[in-house]
Protein backbone atom coordinates (compact mmCIF):
# COMPACT_ATOMS: atom_id res chain seq x y z
CA MET A 1 91.50 129.35 157.97
CA ARG A 2 89.26 130.31 154.55
CA ASN A 3 92.57 131.56 153.17
CA LEU A 4 94.47 128.73 154.08
CA ILE A 5 92.07 126.17 152.16
CA ILE A 6 91.89 128.70 148.91
CA ALA A 7 95.81 128.50 148.91
CA VAL A 8 95.78 124.63 149.00
CA ILE A 9 93.26 124.24 146.55
CA LEU A 10 95.14 126.80 143.97
CA SER A 11 98.34 125.02 144.78
CA ALA A 12 96.70 121.42 143.74
CA ALA A 13 95.39 122.94 140.57
CA VAL A 14 98.90 124.27 139.44
CA ALA A 15 100.25 121.25 140.16
CA CYS A 16 97.95 119.16 138.17
CA GLY A 17 98.21 121.68 135.28
CA ILE A 18 102.02 121.27 135.34
CA GLY A 19 101.92 117.46 135.77
CA TYR A 20 99.50 117.53 132.78
CA GLY A 21 101.80 119.51 130.87
CA PHE A 22 104.69 117.38 131.37
CA GLY A 23 102.54 114.26 130.83
CA GLN A 24 101.29 115.74 127.53
CA ARG A 25 105.21 116.74 126.75
CA ALA A 26 106.09 113.25 127.52
CA ALA A 27 103.67 111.42 125.77
CA SER A 28 104.14 113.92 122.35
CA LEU A 29 108.25 112.74 122.95
CA GLN A 30 106.96 108.91 122.98
CA THR A 31 104.93 109.40 119.98
CA PRO A 32 106.58 108.02 117.13
CA ALA A 33 107.26 110.00 113.74
CA ALA A 34 104.89 109.04 110.92
CA GLN A 35 106.65 106.77 109.01
CA GLU A 36 107.41 107.68 105.10
CA SER A 37 105.33 105.78 102.70
CA VAL A 38 106.51 104.10 99.46
CA TYR A 39 104.57 106.50 97.47
CA ASP A 40 106.25 109.34 99.36
CA ARG A 41 109.33 108.16 99.04
CA VAL A 42 108.78 107.53 95.20
CA ILE A 43 107.48 110.94 94.57
CA LYS A 44 110.59 112.36 96.51
CA SER A 45 112.95 110.25 94.80
CA GLY A 46 111.91 110.44 91.65
CA LYS A 47 112.48 106.65 90.82
CA ILE A 48 110.62 103.18 91.59
CA ARG A 49 113.11 100.55 92.82
CA CYS A 50 111.95 97.36 91.52
CA GLY A 51 112.41 93.92 92.98
CA TYR A 52 112.03 91.15 90.51
CA VAL A 53 112.23 87.43 89.43
CA VAL A 54 113.63 86.36 86.28
CA VAL A 55 111.18 84.20 84.51
CA PRO A 56 110.64 84.23 80.76
CA PRO A 57 108.98 85.62 79.07
CA SER A 58 107.61 87.77 81.71
CA LEU A 59 111.13 88.88 82.31
CA ILE A 60 114.35 87.89 80.41
CA ARG A 61 117.72 88.52 81.48
CA ASP A 62 120.75 88.19 78.49
CA PRO A 63 123.61 85.83 80.15
CA ASN A 64 126.10 88.05 78.37
CA THR A 65 125.24 91.54 78.90
CA GLY A 66 122.80 91.37 81.66
CA ALA A 67 120.32 93.44 79.85
CA PHE A 68 116.44 93.01 80.31
CA SER A 69 113.66 92.34 78.02
CA GLY A 70 110.36 90.66 78.15
CA ILE A 71 106.77 91.32 79.25
CA SER A 72 106.98 92.90 82.62
CA TYR A 73 110.23 95.16 81.74
CA ASP A 74 108.29 96.69 78.32
CA ILE A 75 105.37 97.42 80.47
CA MET A 76 107.24 99.11 83.61
CA GLU A 77 109.76 100.99 81.39
CA ARG A 78 106.81 102.22 79.53
CA LEU A 79 104.76 103.06 82.92
CA GLY A 80 107.69 104.76 84.02
CA LYS A 81 108.19 107.28 81.15
CA ASP A 82 104.28 108.02 81.39
CA LEU A 83 104.68 108.84 85.11
CA GLY A 84 107.97 110.74 84.58
CA LEU A 85 109.75 108.39 87.15
CA ALA A 86 112.97 106.09 86.49
CA ILE A 87 112.92 102.14 86.85
CA GLU A 88 115.62 100.96 88.71
CA TRP A 89 115.87 97.33 88.69
CA SER A 90 117.50 97.20 92.03
CA GLU A 91 117.25 93.66 93.34
CA GLU A 92 116.75 90.19 92.42
CA THR A 93 114.37 87.87 94.76
CA SER A 94 112.33 84.95 94.67
CA PHE A 95 108.78 84.39 94.74
CA ALA A 96 109.13 82.94 98.43
CA ALA A 97 111.04 86.13 99.51
CA MET A 98 109.44 88.90 97.80
CA THR A 99 106.99 89.91 100.23
CA GLU A 100 109.58 90.14 102.85
CA GLY A 101 111.48 92.19 100.51
CA LEU A 102 108.42 94.58 99.92
CA ASN A 103 107.77 94.81 103.74
CA ARG A 104 111.51 95.80 104.55
CA ASP A 105 111.49 98.23 102.24
CA ARG A 106 114.28 96.87 100.31
CA PHE A 107 112.59 97.79 96.92
CA ASP A 108 109.39 99.49 96.45
CA LEU A 109 107.41 97.31 93.72
CA ASP A 110 107.66 93.61 92.56
CA CYS A 111 108.49 94.74 88.76
CA ALA A 112 107.85 91.58 87.50
CA VAL A 113 104.46 90.10 87.07
CA VAL A 114 103.41 87.59 89.73
CA TRP A 115 100.03 85.55 90.32
CA SER A 116 97.74 86.97 92.70
CA ARG A 117 97.13 83.83 94.60
CA THR A 118 94.57 83.87 97.83
CA ALA A 119 97.49 83.16 99.95
CA ARG A 120 99.64 85.81 98.89
CA GLY A 121 96.79 88.66 99.68
CA LYS A 122 97.44 88.28 103.07
CA THR A 123 100.69 90.13 103.00
CA ALA A 124 100.83 92.02 99.93
CA GLN A 125 98.67 94.21 97.91
CA PHE A 126 98.25 93.60 94.16
CA THR A 127 97.47 95.87 91.38
CA ILE A 128 94.93 95.02 88.65
CA PRO A 129 95.28 92.10 86.47
CA LEU A 130 97.42 92.44 83.01
CA TYR A 131 96.84 89.00 81.73
CA TYR A 132 95.83 85.85 82.92
CA SER A 133 97.88 82.61 83.11
CA ALA A 134 96.29 78.93 82.59
CA ILE A 135 98.00 76.27 85.01
CA ASN A 136 97.88 72.55 83.26
CA ALA A 137 99.33 69.53 84.46
CA TYR A 138 102.37 68.12 82.08
CA GLY A 139 103.51 64.37 81.85
CA ARG A 140 106.02 62.60 79.52
CA ALA A 141 104.63 62.36 76.34
CA ASP A 142 105.10 58.52 76.05
CA ASP A 143 103.48 57.93 79.36
CA PRO A 144 100.25 56.25 78.84
CA ARG A 145 98.75 56.34 82.29
CA PHE A 146 97.08 59.73 81.44
CA ASN A 147 95.78 59.07 78.23
CA SER A 148 92.47 59.05 79.33
CA ASN A 149 90.49 60.32 82.72
CA PRO A 150 93.76 61.08 84.02
CA SER A 151 93.79 61.23 88.20
CA PHE A 152 96.82 63.02 89.58
CA ASN A 153 95.69 62.50 93.10
CA ASP A 154 97.09 59.14 93.48
CA PRO A 155 99.96 57.75 96.24
CA SER A 156 101.84 56.26 93.20
CA LEU A 157 102.58 59.43 91.48
CA THR A 158 105.37 61.92 92.30
CA VAL A 159 104.97 65.69 91.22
CA ALA A 160 107.62 68.08 91.02
CA THR A 161 107.53 71.45 92.41
CA ILE A 162 109.48 74.49 93.41
CA ASP A 163 109.35 75.55 96.92
CA GLY A 164 107.14 78.83 97.22
CA SER A 165 105.93 78.48 93.76
CA THR A 166 102.64 77.81 92.31
CA SER A 167 103.58 74.43 91.50
CA SER A 168 103.93 73.56 95.16
CA SER A 169 100.64 75.21 96.14
CA MET A 170 99.01 73.41 93.03
CA ALA A 171 100.13 69.95 94.18
CA GLN A 172 98.64 70.66 97.53
CA VAL A 173 95.38 71.44 96.35
CA VAL A 174 95.09 68.83 93.24
CA SER A 175 97.55 66.36 94.66
CA PRO A 176 97.46 65.81 98.04
CA LEU A 177 98.16 62.02 98.01
CA ALA A 178 100.91 62.23 95.71
CA LYS A 179 104.62 62.28 96.78
CA THR A 180 106.46 65.62 95.79
CA TYR A 181 110.10 65.82 94.26
CA SER A 182 110.73 69.36 95.59
CA LEU A 183 113.10 71.56 94.16
CA PRO A 184 114.63 74.65 95.84
CA ASP A 185 113.25 78.50 95.90
CA LEU A 186 115.36 79.90 92.48
CA THR A 187 115.47 76.98 90.45
CA ASP A 188 114.61 77.81 86.98
CA PHE A 189 111.26 76.75 85.99
CA SER A 190 112.53 74.40 83.34
CA GLN A 191 113.88 71.94 85.86
CA LEU A 192 110.00 71.08 86.50
CA MET A 193 110.27 69.90 82.86
CA VAL A 194 113.47 68.20 83.17
CA ALA A 195 112.34 66.47 86.57
CA VAL A 196 109.36 64.61 84.78
CA THR A 197 111.35 64.19 81.32
CA SER A 198 114.21 62.47 83.61
CA GLY A 199 111.89 60.09 85.41
CA LYS A 200 112.29 61.81 88.95
CA ALA A 201 108.57 62.89 88.45
CA ASP A 202 105.62 61.84 86.85
CA LEU A 203 103.99 65.35 86.36
CA THR A 204 104.18 68.65 86.93
CA PHE A 205 102.01 72.02 87.23
CA SER A 206 102.93 74.84 84.93
CA GLU A 207 101.59 77.57 82.94
CA GLU A 208 101.74 77.02 78.88
CA PRO A 209 104.38 79.46 78.02
CA GLN A 210 106.84 77.82 80.44
CA ALA A 211 105.98 74.39 78.80
CA ALA A 212 106.26 76.15 75.54
CA LEU A 213 109.79 77.32 75.92
CA TYR A 214 110.76 73.84 77.11
CA LEU A 215 109.19 72.27 74.11
CA GLN A 216 111.09 74.54 71.65
CA LYS A 217 114.36 73.04 73.12
CA ASN A 218 112.95 69.51 73.52
CA PRO A 219 110.22 68.56 71.15
CA GLY A 220 108.06 65.75 71.77
CA SER A 221 109.39 65.56 75.30
CA VAL A 222 106.33 66.36 77.41
CA LYS A 223 102.78 66.81 77.00
CA ASN A 224 99.86 68.69 78.28
CA LEU A 225 97.36 66.29 80.35
CA THR A 226 94.77 69.08 80.60
CA PRO A 227 94.31 70.89 77.51
CA ASP A 228 90.62 71.43 77.25
CA GLN A 229 90.31 72.07 81.21
CA PRO A 230 93.04 74.13 82.96
CA LEU A 231 93.54 73.22 86.36
CA GLY A 232 93.87 76.92 87.51
CA LEU A 233 93.69 80.35 85.99
CA PHE A 234 95.64 83.18 87.78
CA ALA A 235 95.52 87.29 87.13
CA ASN A 236 99.39 88.35 86.31
CA SER A 237 99.74 91.42 88.45
CA PHE A 238 102.56 93.77 90.33
CA SER A 239 102.75 93.82 93.87
CA MET A 240 103.79 95.85 96.76
CA LYS A 241 103.73 96.13 100.21
CA MET A 242 100.06 96.05 102.07
CA GLY A 243 98.49 99.08 102.63
CA GLU A 244 100.12 101.36 100.00
CA ASP A 245 96.69 102.90 98.65
CA LYS A 246 98.45 105.86 97.13
CA LEU A 247 101.08 103.90 95.54
CA ALA A 248 98.49 101.28 94.38
CA HIS A 249 96.19 104.04 92.70
CA MET A 250 99.07 105.55 90.82
CA ILE A 251 100.09 102.48 89.11
CA ASN A 252 96.84 101.17 88.52
CA ASN A 253 95.92 104.25 86.76
CA GLY A 254 98.60 104.19 84.62
CA LEU A 255 98.23 100.09 83.93
CA GLN A 256 94.59 100.95 83.05
CA ASN A 257 95.72 103.54 80.45
CA LEU A 258 98.28 101.01 79.12
CA LEU A 259 95.39 98.30 79.01
CA ASN A 260 93.04 100.56 77.06
CA ALA A 261 95.66 101.82 74.75
CA GLY A 262 96.12 98.08 73.51
CA PHE A 263 99.94 98.43 74.63
CA VAL A 264 99.66 95.31 76.82
CA ASP A 265 98.37 93.15 74.37
CA ARG A 266 101.31 94.46 71.97
CA VAL A 267 103.87 93.62 74.43
CA LEU A 268 101.75 90.15 74.84
CA GLU A 269 102.05 89.61 70.67
CA LYS A 270 106.07 90.48 71.03
CA HIS A 271 106.91 88.40 73.60
CA ALA A 272 104.74 85.43 74.07
CA ALA A 273 103.33 82.84 71.47
CA PRO A 274 99.71 83.30 70.12
CA ASN A 275 97.24 82.35 72.88
CA ALA A 276 99.96 81.72 75.40
CA TYR A 277 97.77 84.30 78.06
CA ARG A 278 94.28 84.96 78.37
CA ARG A 279 94.07 88.70 77.61
CA VAL A 280 91.80 91.38 79.64
CA ALA A 281 89.19 92.80 77.98
CA ARG A 282 89.29 96.33 77.04
CA ALA A 283 87.22 98.92 79.58
CA TYR A 284 84.41 99.34 77.13
CA GLN A 285 83.68 95.35 75.86
């Protein structure tokens, strides 16, 4: 009887061991393989695949040759050279679709600077700021309503916006009672000024360089309604998929060196009007 009990116990132990082994093997088979990080993919391929939004003077594309130029282009090409990585301008996107493109791995980095707005920080990771953009309100030059103590939060006003852009988010904050004249995503930013000068809207929100480019071709058409007190100040940064800390470290280290060497300042002087952007102070200042 005693031998029978021992045999039963041993059989149960063996069965449990076999079951545990099978369970462990099954669990290991069900565990998904670790997904390759964007950083690992970049290092392995030797290139950074860039998503981009064409917005002068950040990124300019020649309509005849397709060649790129601009602030973001010069910075990224120099960064790629310093890192020993090729820069591949692989996909044009929009501000509204940019984060989806990053998260779906259609490209590795958003290589045309974007404003690191609060809401964008929920779904994308940003590099250190390269420079800052002041946002002002712009109206028709001959419109007397905004000559003194202008109020932009009025139901009688219409604000021109582009879907997914900062003009849209600014309108929600600054002019929630006003109506909006909404333009679709990927609309050229000059169309905000066109909407104002044509009378389809009373005002819009834009950064100074965009307004300056429009005024070069249409002098005296619009005016800055908030020259002494901008309505917003946004950091211009590159963005990547959330959680890509190794990639962010690599890119930030390179960008900091370009800032410290004065390269970014020289690029801004080359492509933008004086005082168009607020500069980032050197690390020692």
